[in-house]
Amino acid sequence: MRIGFVGAGRMGRPMVARLAAAGHQVRVLLRTPVDPARRRGVEQLGATVVDRAADAAARSDAVVLCVFTDTQVRELCLDAGLLATMPPGSALVVHTTTSPTTIEAIADRTEAVDVVDAPVSGGPHDVAAGRVTLFVGGRQDAVNRLRPILSCYGDPILHVGPRGAGQAVKLVNNALFAAHIGLLAESVRLGEQLGASESTLLRALPHGSATSRVLEIVAARGGVAEFLEVAGEFIGKDVAVVRGIAEDLGTQLGALGRVIDVLNVPDLPSVGDVAGNL
């Protein structure tokens, strides 16, 4: 298939590599100032680098967005006119974690292009291994048509509902992930007050009924503080996105928010400025 790709960064670059390796024709727009070495690096993946969004979108069966922020998605789709350059019957895939209202605003601008939101859960290593989780929202026939693209790096590909549903599920996922870490931090505090060290708890609890994926991830890092030292920035960004969107939609995080507060993640910009991928 002919694919336009915008955002070949931390998450997008391994996606481009797997798409090109699968035989798709990929044209990549590098949005930040591009030095020749970076351009050559993308071309060595088997993709073609273009200089304008219109060049990435024209004659494409699908355009994939893997940019960093909600603002960037809106700029590309609502301000820069990306949709207008896409052929009728093509599809726009938004991997960026953004607001469901952004997805709807984009869809309202076009009847000729299928808009599919497919935020990811996982990291670059999961993309490179072809096992990143995709929460997909959109029309069934559009999702089916996109599976040859998404399956290059997504497994499982979870069709969770209509357009915007993927973003809703991803936001809940991010809130719950952060809350799990907050609960684990509080559990470690309780254990230490009872005389059980954090290392003891992290060694023993994965074998009990309290085990979880978060517990295993944190244990592998050696402790809550050690995990937050590595991932705290990304968690903080995702928490900021969730809080901002919840506020925009007139809802609350409730108990999830109170547990997340335990982490004391740094204050970060609102949804208009950040959108992380965990």
C-alpha atoms as a PDB file:
ATOM      1  CA  MET A   1       0.000   0.000   0.000  1.00  0.00           C
ATOM      2  CA  ARG A   2       1.033   3.637  -0.447  1.00  0.00           C
ATOM      3  CA  ILE A   3       1.484   5.246   2.954  1.00  0.00           C
ATOM      4  CA  GLY A   4       2.213   8.796   4.010  1.00  0.00           C
ATOM      5  CA  PHE A   5       3.828   8.966   7.444  1.00  0.00           C
ATOM      6  CA  VAL A   6       4.204  12.029   9.660  1.00  0.00           C
ATOM      7  CA  GLY A   7       6.299  11.786  12.827  1.00  0.00           C
ATOM      8  CA  ALA A   8       9.181   9.329  12.452  1.00  0.00           C
ATOM      9  CA  GLY A   9      10.493   9.919  15.953  1.00  0.00           C
ATOM     10  CA  ARG A  10      10.866   7.703  19.013  1.00  0.00           C
ATOM     11  CA  MET A  11       7.741   5.654  18.245  1.00  0.00           C
ATOM     12  CA  GLY A  12       7.287   6.414  14.567  1.00  0.00           C
ATOM     13  CA  ARG A  13      10.709   5.434  13.291  1.00  0.00           C
ATOM     14  CA  PRO A  14      10.361   1.704  14.082  1.00  0.00           C
ATOM     15  CA  MET A  15       6.863   1.822  12.570  1.00  0.00           C
ATOM     16  CA  VAL A  16       8.338   3.178   9.345  1.00  0.00           C
ATOM     17  CA  ALA A  17      10.999   0.467   9.396  1.00  0.00           C
ATOM     18  CA  ARG A  18       8.450  -2.316   9.717  1.00  0.00           C
ATOM     19  CA  LEU A  19       6.119  -0.826   7.102  1.00  0.00           C
ATOM     20  CA  ALA A  20       8.936  -0.542   4.571  1.00  0.00           C
ATOM     21  CA  ALA A  21      10.222  -4.031   5.397  1.00  0.00           C
ATOM     22  CA  ALA A  22       6.724  -5.399   4.693  1.00  0.00           C
ATOM     23  CA  GLY A  23       6.872  -3.940   1.184  1.00  0.00           C
ATOM     24  CA  HIS A  24       4.698  -0.856   1.613  1.00  0.00           C
ATOM     25  CA  GLN A  25       5.638   2.347  -0.219  1.00  0.00           C
ATOM     26  CA  VAL A  26       6.253   4.833   2.612  1.00  0.00           C
ATOM     27  CA  ARG A  27       6.762   8.583   2.199  1.00  0.00           C
ATOM     28  CA  VAL A  28       7.890  10.236   5.424  1.00  0.00           C
ATOM     29  CA  LEU A  29       7.532  13.861   6.438  1.00  0.00           C
ATOM     30  CA  LEU A  30      10.146  14.833   9.037  1.00  0.00           C
ATOM     31  CA  ARG A  31       8.607  17.805  10.830  1.00  0.00           C
ATOM     32  CA  THR A  32      11.634  19.105  12.752  1.00  0.00           C
ATOM     33  CA  PRO A  33      14.666  20.622  10.978  1.00  0.00           C
ATOM     34  CA  VAL A  34      16.308  17.684   9.266  1.00  0.00           C
ATOM     35  CA  ASP A  35      20.045  17.238   9.052  1.00  0.00           C
ATOM     36  CA  PRO A  36      21.344  15.137   6.140  1.00  0.00           C
ATOM     37  CA  ALA A  37      22.345  12.263   8.447  1.00  0.00           C
ATOM     38  CA  ARG A  38      18.821  11.921   9.820  1.00  0.00           C
ATOM     39  CA  ARG A  39      17.355  12.072   6.339  1.00  0.00           C
ATOM     40  CA  ARG A  40      19.714   9.345   5.163  1.00  0.00           C
ATOM     41  CA  GLY A  41      18.837   7.283   8.239  1.00  0.00           C
ATOM     42  CA  VAL A  42      15.148   7.278   7.345  1.00  0.00           C
ATOM     43  CA  GLU A  43      15.881   6.574   3.691  1.00  0.00           C
ATOM     44  CA  GLN A  44      18.036   3.608   4.738  1.00  0.00           C
ATOM     45  CA  LEU A  45      14.902   2.130   6.315  1.00  0.00           C
ATOM     46  CA  GLY A  46      13.462   1.883   2.805  1.00  0.00           C
ATOM     47  CA  ALA A  47      11.263   4.989   2.959  1.00  0.00           C
ATOM     48  CA  THR A  48      11.228   8.168   0.880  1.00  0.00           C
ATOM     49  CA  VAL A  49      11.627  11.475   2.737  1.00  0.00           C
ATOM     50  CA  VAL A  50       9.432  14.365   1.565  1.00  0.00           C
ATOM     51  CA  ASP A  51       9.434  18.016   2.561  1.00  0.00           C
ATOM     52  CA  ARG A  52       5.723  18.865   2.661  1.00  0.00           C
ATOM     53  CA  ALA A  53       2.643  17.290   4.224  1.00  0.00           C
ATOM     54  CA  ALA A  54       0.964  17.440   0.825  1.00  0.00           C
ATOM     55  CA  ASP A  55       3.739  15.302  -0.660  1.00  0.00           C
ATOM     56  CA  ALA A  56       3.231  12.666   2.035  1.00  0.00           C
ATOM     57  CA  ALA A  57      -0.552  12.636   1.607  1.00  0.00           C
ATOM     58  CA  ALA A  58      -0.984  12.833  -2.159  1.00  0.00           C
ATOM     59  CA  ARG A  59      -1.865   9.515  -3.829  1.00  0.00           C
ATOM     60  CA  SER A  60      -1.636   7.687  -0.486  1.00  0.00           C
ATOM     61  CA  ASP A  61      -3.975   4.892   0.529  1.00  0.00           C
ATOM     62  CA  ALA A  62      -3.451   5.978   4.142  1.00  0.00           C
ATOM     63  CA  VAL A  63      -1.684   8.693   6.097  1.00  0.00           C
ATOM     64  CA  VAL A  64      -0.333   7.763   9.530  1.00  0.00           C
ATOM     65  CA  LEU A  65       0.209  10.423  12.203  1.00  0.00           C
ATOM     66  CA  CYS A  66       2.598   9.630  15.038  1.00  0.00           C
ATOM     67  CA  VAL A  67       3.377  13.122  16.285  1.00  0.00           C
ATOM     68  CA  PHE A  68       3.796  14.105  19.925  1.00  0.00           C
ATOM     69  CA  THR A  69       0.960  16.445  20.851  1.00  0.00           C
ATOM     70  CA  ASP A  70      -2.711  17.163  20.439  1.00  0.00           C
ATOM     71  CA  THR A  71      -1.741  20.606  19.158  1.00  0.00           C
ATOM     72  CA  GLN A  72       0.416  19.102  16.406  1.00  0.00           C
ATOM     73  CA  VAL A  73      -2.430  16.830  15.297  1.00  0.00           C
ATOM     74  CA  ARG A  74      -4.766  19.817  15.092  1.00  0.00           C
ATOM     75  CA  GLU A  75      -2.204  21.929  13.236  1.00  0.00           C
ATOM     76  CA  LEU A  76      -1.646  19.246  10.624  1.00  0.00           C
ATOM     77  CA  CYS A  77      -5.262  18.261  10.097  1.00  0.00           C
ATOM     78  CA  LEU A  78      -7.230  21.415  10.832  1.00  0.00           C
ATOM     79  CA  ASP A  79      -4.810  24.218  10.001  1.00  0.00           C
ATOM     80  CA  ALA A  80      -2.276  22.871   7.497  1.00  0.00           C
ATOM     81  CA  GLY A  81      -4.872  21.283   5.225  1.00  0.00           C
ATOM     82  CA  LEU A  82      -3.502  17.744   5.269  1.00  0.00           C
ATOM     83  CA  LEU A  83      -6.983  16.282   4.753  1.00  0.00           C
ATOM     84  CA  ALA A  84      -7.552  18.311   1.610  1.00  0.00           C
ATOM     85  CA  THR A  85      -4.563  16.681  -0.095  1.00  0.00           C
ATOM     86  CA  MET A  86      -5.619  13.107   0.738  1.00  0.00           C
ATOM     87  CA  PRO A  87      -7.364  11.128  -2.016  1.00  0.00           C
ATOM     88  CA  PRO A  88     -11.073  10.284  -1.593  1.00  0.00           C
ATOM     89  CA  GLY A  89     -11.440   6.814  -0.079  1.00  0.00           C
ATOM     90  CA  SER A  90      -8.120   6.985   1.773  1.00  0.00           C
ATOM     91  CA  ALA A  91      -7.770   6.812   5.549  1.00  0.00           C
ATOM     92  CA  LEU A  92      -6.134   8.890   8.263  1.00  0.00           C
ATOM     93  CA  VAL A  93      -4.673   6.926  11.192  1.00  0.00           C
ATOM     94  CA  VAL A  94      -3.939   8.908  14.359  1.00  0.00           C
ATOM     95  CA  HIS A  95      -1.535   7.105  16.709  1.00  0.00           C
ATOM     96  CA  THR A  96      -0.977  10.178  18.882  1.00  0.00           C
ATOM     97  CA  THR A  97      -2.707  10.173  22.259  1.00  0.00           C
ATOM     98  CA  THR A  98      -5.159  13.021  21.928  1.00  0.00           C
ATOM     99  CA  SER A  99      -8.683  14.065  22.856  1.00  0.00           C
ATOM    100  CA  PRO A 100     -11.719  12.302  21.387  1.00  0.00           C
ATOM    101  CA  THR A 101     -13.001  15.785  20.564  1.00  0.00           C
ATOM    102  CA  THR A 102      -9.952  16.353  18.361  1.00  0.00           C
ATOM    103  CA  ILE A 103     -10.752  13.179  16.434  1.00  0.00           C
ATOM    104  CA  GLU A 104     -14.333  14.348  15.954  1.00  0.00           C
ATOM    105  CA  ALA A 105     -13.200  17.810  14.852  1.00  0.00           C
ATOM    106  CA  ILE A 106     -10.986  16.225  12.199  1.00  0.00           C
ATOM    107  CA  ALA A 107     -13.736  13.894  11.002  1.00  0.00           C
ATOM    108  CA  ASP A 108     -16.129  16.843  10.727  1.00  0.00           C
ATOM    109  CA  ARG A 109     -13.787  18.399   8.162  1.00  0.00           C
ATOM    110  CA  THR A 110     -14.070  15.557   5.653  1.00  0.00           C
ATOM    111  CA  GLU A 111     -16.530  13.053   4.258  1.00  0.00           C
ATOM    112  CA  ALA A 112     -14.100  11.622   1.729  1.00  0.00           C
ATOM    113  CA  VAL A 113     -11.464  10.326   4.175  1.00  0.00           C
ATOM    114  CA  ASP A 114     -11.971   7.708   6.900  1.00  0.00           C
ATOM    115  CA  VAL A 115     -10.613   8.959  10.230  1.00  0.00           C
ATOM    116  CA  VAL A 116      -9.383   6.183  12.526  1.00  0.00           C
ATOM    117  CA  ASP A 117      -7.850   6.758  15.949  1.00  0.00           C
ATOM    118  CA  ALA A 118      -5.366   4.104  17.030  1.00  0.00           C
ATOM    119  CA  PRO A 119      -3.352   5.223  20.084  1.00  0.00           C
ATOM    120  CA  VAL A 120      -0.656   2.817  21.199  1.00  0.00           C
ATOM    121  CA  SER A 121       0.277   1.182  24.470  1.00  0.00           C
ATOM    122  CA  GLY A 122       3.911   0.131  24.639  1.00  0.00           C
ATOM    123  CA  GLY A 123       7.312   1.494  23.731  1.00  0.00           C
ATOM    124  CA  PRO A 124       9.648   1.620  20.731  1.00  0.00           C
ATOM    125  CA  HIS A 125      10.930  -1.865  21.547  1.00  0.00           C
ATOM    126  CA  ASP A 126       7.363  -3.206  21.270  1.00  0.00           C
ATOM    127  CA  VAL A 127       6.903  -1.495  17.901  1.00  0.00           C
ATOM    128  CA  ALA A 128      10.201  -2.913  16.648  1.00  0.00           C
ATOM    129  CA  ALA A 129       9.120  -6.408  17.734  1.00  0.00           C
ATOM    130  CA  GLY A 130       5.697  -6.044  16.106  1.00  0.00           C
ATOM    131  CA  ARG A 131       3.801  -6.357  19.363  1.00  0.00           C
ATOM    132  CA  VAL A 132       2.675  -2.869  20.359  1.00  0.00           C
ATOM    133  CA  THR A 133      -0.964  -2.717  21.486  1.00  0.00           C
ATOM    134  CA  LEU A 134      -3.326  -0.608  19.378  1.00  0.00           C
ATOM    135  CA  PHE A 135      -6.659   0.665  20.733  1.00  0.00           C
ATOM    136  CA  VAL A 136      -8.559   1.367  17.521  1.00  0.00           C
ATOM    137  CA  GLY A 137     -11.693   3.442  17.026  1.00  0.00           C
ATOM    138  CA  GLY A 138     -13.437   3.762  13.680  1.00  0.00           C
ATOM    139  CA  ARG A 139     -15.797   2.186  11.173  1.00  0.00           C
ATOM    140  CA  GLN A 140     -15.425  -1.589  10.905  1.00  0.00           C
ATOM    141  CA  ASP A 141     -14.766  -1.588   7.170  1.00  0.00           C
ATOM    142  CA  ALA A 142     -12.129   1.130   7.526  1.00  0.00           C
ATOM    143  CA  VAL A 143     -10.367  -0.778  10.310  1.00  0.00           C
ATOM    144  CA  ASN A 144     -10.458  -3.973   8.245  1.00  0.00           C
ATOM    145  CA  ARG A 145      -8.964  -2.134   5.282  1.00  0.00           C
ATOM    146  CA  LEU A 146      -6.146  -0.803   7.464  1.00  0.00           C
ATOM    147  CA  ARG A 147      -5.189  -4.101   9.077  1.00  0.00           C
ATOM    148  CA  PRO A 148      -2.404  -4.858   6.542  1.00  0.00           C
ATOM    149  CA  ILE A 149      -0.779  -1.607   7.719  1.00  0.00           C
ATOM    150  CA  LEU A 150      -1.488  -1.828  11.435  1.00  0.00           C
ATOM    151  CA  SER A 151      -0.479  -5.489  11.666  1.00  0.00           C
ATOM    152  CA  CYS A 152       3.065  -4.597  10.583  1.00  0.00           C
ATOM    153  CA  TYR A 153       3.728  -3.410  14.141  1.00  0.00           C
ATOM    154  CA  GLY A 154       0.485  -3.847  16.115  1.00  0.00           C
ATOM    155  CA  ASP A 155      -0.417  -6.977  18.040  1.00  0.00           C
ATOM    156  CA  PRO A 156      -3.010  -7.042  19.409  1.00  0.00           C
ATOM    157  CA  ILE A 157      -5.099  -4.727  17.258  1.00  0.00           C
ATOM    158  CA  LEU A 158      -8.138  -4.083  19.420  1.00  0.00           C
ATOM    159  CA  HIS A 159     -11.130  -2.529  17.662  1.00  0.00           C
ATOM    160  CA  VAL A 160     -12.790  -0.965  20.696  1.00  0.00           C
ATOM    161  CA  GLY A 161     -15.637   0.936  19.087  1.00  0.00           C
ATOM    162  CA  PRO A 162     -16.539   3.859  16.819  1.00  0.00           C
ATOM    163  CA  ARG A 163     -14.338   6.816  16.014  1.00  0.00           C
ATOM    164  CA  GLY A 164     -12.880   8.331  19.216  1.00  0.00           C
ATOM    165  CA  ALA A 165     -13.269   5.150  21.258  1.00  0.00           C
ATOM    166  CA  GLY A 166      -9.583   4.316  20.863  1.00  0.00           C
ATOM    167  CA  GLN A 167      -8.619   7.578  22.515  1.00  0.00           C
ATOM    168  CA  ALA A 168     -11.107   7.036  25.346  1.00  0.00           C
ATOM    169  CA  VAL A 169      -9.678   3.584  26.096  1.00  0.00           C
ATOM    170  CA  LYS A 170      -6.101   4.870  25.917  1.00  0.00           C
ATOM    171  CA  LEU A 171      -6.830   7.679  28.361  1.00  0.00           C
ATOM    172  CA  VAL A 172      -8.368   5.241  30.843  1.00  0.00           C
ATOM    173  CA  ASN A 173      -5.367   2.950  30.336  1.00  0.00           C
ATOM    174  CA  ASN A 174      -2.958   5.782  31.138  1.00  0.00           C
ATOM    175  CA  ALA A 175      -4.900   6.859  34.226  1.00  0.00           C
ATOM    176  CA  LEU A 176      -5.091   3.301  35.519  1.00  0.00           C
ATOM    177  CA  PHE A 177      -1.412   2.661  34.822  1.00  0.00           C
ATOM    178  CA  ALA A 178      -0.391   5.725  36.833  1.00  0.00           C
ATOM    179  CA  ALA A 179      -2.836   4.816  39.607  1.00  0.00           C
ATOM    180  CA  HIS A 180      -1.359   1.297  39.803  1.00  0.00           C
ATOM    181  CA  ILE A 181       2.049   2.823  40.398  1.00  0.00           C
ATOM    182  CA  GLY A 182       0.571   5.089  43.067  1.00  0.00           C
ATOM    183  CA  LEU A 183      -1.025   2.101  44.792  1.00  0.00           C
ATOM    184  CA  LEU A 184       2.256   0.226  44.630  1.00  0.00           C
ATOM    185  CA  ALA A 185       4.089   3.187  46.174  1.00  0.00           C
ATOM    186  CA  GLU A 186       1.580   3.263  49.027  1.00  0.00           C
ATOM    187  CA  SER A 187       1.869  -0.506  49.473  1.00  0.00           C
ATOM    188  CA  VAL A 188       5.643  -0.226  49.744  1.00  0.00           C
ATOM    189  CA  ARG A 189       5.219   2.498  52.355  1.00  0.00           C
ATOM    190  CA  LEU A 190       2.882   0.265  54.360  1.00  0.00           C
ATOM    191  CA  GLY A 191       5.220  -2.702  54.057  1.00  0.00           C
ATOM    192  CA  GLU A 192       8.197  -0.725  55.298  1.00  0.00           C
ATOM    193  CA  GLN A 193       6.184   0.456  58.306  1.00  0.00           C
ATOM    194  CA  LEU A 194       5.466  -3.209  59.041  1.00  0.00           C
ATOM    195  CA  GLY A 195       9.129  -4.132  58.742  1.00  0.00           C
ATOM    196  CA  ALA A 196       9.162  -5.549  55.177  1.00  0.00           C
ATOM    197  CA  SER A 197      11.659  -3.858  52.851  1.00  0.00           C
ATOM    198  CA  GLU A 198      10.742  -2.748  49.351  1.00  0.00           C
ATOM    199  CA  SER A 199      13.119  -5.302  47.849  1.00  0.00           C
ATOM    200  CA  THR A 200      11.448  -8.073  49.828  1.00  0.00           C
ATOM    201  CA  LEU A 201       7.995  -6.971  48.731  1.00  0.00           C
ATOM    202  CA  LEU A 202       8.987  -6.706  45.078  1.00  0.00           C
ATOM    203  CA  ARG A 203      10.507 -10.154  45.196  1.00  0.00           C
ATOM    204  CA  ALA A 204       7.527 -11.796  46.933  1.00  0.00           C
ATOM    205  CA  LEU A 205       4.367 -10.019  45.742  1.00  0.00           C
ATOM    206  CA  PRO A 206       4.630 -11.081  42.073  1.00  0.00           C
ATOM    207  CA  HIS A 207       3.966 -14.633  43.299  1.00  0.00           C
ATOM    208  CA  GLY A 208       0.818 -13.686  45.204  1.00  0.00           C
ATOM    209  CA  SER A 209      -2.715 -12.674  44.332  1.00  0.00           C
ATOM    210  CA  ALA A 210      -1.656  -8.985  44.298  1.00  0.00           C
ATOM    211  CA  THR A 211       0.553  -9.450  41.265  1.00  0.00           C
ATOM    212  CA  SER A 212       0.120  -7.179  38.250  1.00  0.00           C
ATOM    213  CA  ARG A 213       1.970  -6.154  35.138  1.00  0.00           C
ATOM    214  CA  VAL A 214       2.900  -2.864  36.806  1.00  0.00           C
ATOM    215  CA  LEU A 215       4.319  -4.719  39.804  1.00  0.00           C
ATOM    216  CA  GLU A 216       6.462  -6.865  37.524  1.00  0.00           C
ATOM    217  CA  ILE A 217       7.704  -3.846  35.542  1.00  0.00           C
ATOM    218  CA  VAL A 218       8.615  -1.906  38.684  1.00  0.00           C
ATOM    219  CA  ALA A 219      10.254  -4.955  40.258  1.00  0.00           C
ATOM    220  CA  ALA A 220      12.407  -5.387  37.165  1.00  0.00           C
ATOM    221  CA  ARG A 221      13.637  -1.799  37.631  1.00  0.00           C
ATOM    222  CA  GLY A 222      14.460  -2.417  41.278  1.00  0.00           C
ATOM    223  CA  GLY A 223      11.909  -0.144  42.945  1.00  0.00           C
ATOM    224  CA  VAL A 224       9.305   2.571  42.566  1.00  0.00           C
ATOM    225  CA  ALA A 225      11.822   5.427  42.740  1.00  0.00           C
ATOM    226  CA  GLU A 226      14.099   3.754  40.200  1.00  0.00           C
ATOM    227  CA  PHE A 227      11.186   3.216  37.821  1.00  0.00           C
ATOM    228  CA  LEU A 228      10.010   6.817  38.145  1.00  0.00           C
ATOM    229  CA  GLU A 229      13.544   8.038  37.526  1.00  0.00           C
ATOM    230  CA  VAL A 230      13.398   6.396  34.103  1.00  0.00           C
ATOM    231  CA  ALA A 231       9.710   6.770  33.202  1.00  0.00           C
ATOM    232  CA  GLY A 232       8.478   9.605  35.404  1.00  0.00           C
ATOM    233  CA  GLU A 233       8.600  12.195  32.629  1.00  0.00           C
ATOM    234  CA  PHE A 234       6.423  10.100  30.332  1.00  0.00           C
ATOM    235  CA  ILE A 235       4.016   9.232  33.126  1.00  0.00           C
ATOM    236  CA  GLY A 236       3.776  12.895  34.070  1.00  0.00           C
ATOM    237  CA  LYS A 237       2.971  13.849  30.490  1.00  0.00           C
ATOM    238  CA  ASP A 238       0.263  11.211  30.200  1.00  0.00           C
ATOM    239  CA  VAL A 239      -1.236  12.239  33.534  1.00  0.00           C
ATOM    240  CA  ALA A 240      -1.332  15.849  32.318  1.00  0.00           C
ATOM    241  CA  VAL A 241      -3.129  14.742  29.153  1.00  0.00           C
ATOM    242  CA  VAL A 242      -5.680  12.690  31.078  1.00  0.00           C
ATOM    243  CA  ARG A 243      -6.384  15.480  33.569  1.00  0.00           C
ATOM    244  CA  GLY A 244      -6.682  18.085  30.834  1.00  0.00           C
ATOM    245  CA  ILE A 245      -9.044  16.058  28.688  1.00  0.00           C
ATOM    246  CA  ALA A 246     -11.163  15.009  31.669  1.00  0.00           C
ATOM    247  CA  GLU A 247     -11.535  18.669  32.560  1.00  0.00           C
ATOM    248  CA  ASP A 248     -12.393  19.616  28.975  1.00  0.00           C
ATOM    249  CA  LEU A 249     -15.031  16.879  28.826  1.00  0.00           C
ATOM    250  CA  GLY A 250     -16.520  17.864  32.180  1.00  0.00           C
ATOM    251  CA  THR A 251     -15.657  14.625  33.977  1.00  0.00           C
ATOM    252  CA  GLN A 252     -13.388  13.729  36.913  1.00  0.00           C
ATOM    253  CA  LEU A 253     -10.774  11.086  37.660  1.00  0.00           C
ATOM    254  CA  GLY A 254     -12.236  10.441  41.105  1.00  0.00           C
ATOM    255  CA  ALA A 255     -10.333   7.870  43.148  1.00  0.00           C
ATOM    256  CA  LEU A 256      -7.893   7.358  40.273  1.00  0.00           C
ATOM    257  CA  GLY A 257      -6.820  10.977  40.563  1.00  0.00           C
ATOM    258  CA  ARG A 258      -6.341  10.761  44.322  1.00  0.00           C
ATOM    259  CA  VAL A 259      -4.097   7.718  43.986  1.00  0.00           C
ATOM    260  CA  ILE A 260      -2.120   9.294  41.145  1.00  0.00           C
ATOM    261  CA  ASP A 261      -1.432  12.302  43.395  1.00  0.00           C
ATOM    262  CA  VAL A 262       0.633  10.003  45.615  1.00  0.00           C
ATOM    263  CA  LEU A 263       3.316   9.919  42.930  1.00  0.00           C
ATOM    264  CA  ASN A 264       3.982  13.671  43.092  1.00  0.00           C
ATOM    265  CA  VAL A 265       4.834  13.735  39.405  1.00  0.00           C
ATOM    266  CA  PRO A 266       6.065  17.168  38.258  1.00  0.00           C
ATOM    267  CA  ASP A 267       3.543  19.716  37.084  1.00  0.00           C
ATOM    268  CA  LEU A 268       3.464  19.521  33.317  1.00  0.00           C
ATOM    269  CA  PRO A 269       1.659  21.379  30.518  1.00  0.00           C
ATOM    270  CA  SER A 270      -1.950  20.708  29.685  1.00  0.00           C
ATOM    271  CA  VAL A 271      -3.431  18.587  26.910  1.00  0.00           C
ATOM    272  CA  GLY A 272      -2.767  21.260  24.316  1.00  0.00           C
ATOM    273  CA  ASP A 273       0.975  20.871  24.816  1.00  0.00           C
ATOM    274  CA  VAL A 274       1.657  17.238  25.673  1.00  0.00           C
ATOM    275  CA  ALA A 275       0.487  13.808  24.615  1.00  0.00           C
ATOM    276  CA  GLY A 276       2.645  10.881  25.696  1.00  0.00           C
ATOM    277  CA  ASN A 277       2.631   7.173  24.730  1.00  0.00           C
ATOM    278  CA  LEU A 278       3.005   4.523  27.361  1.00  0.00           C
END
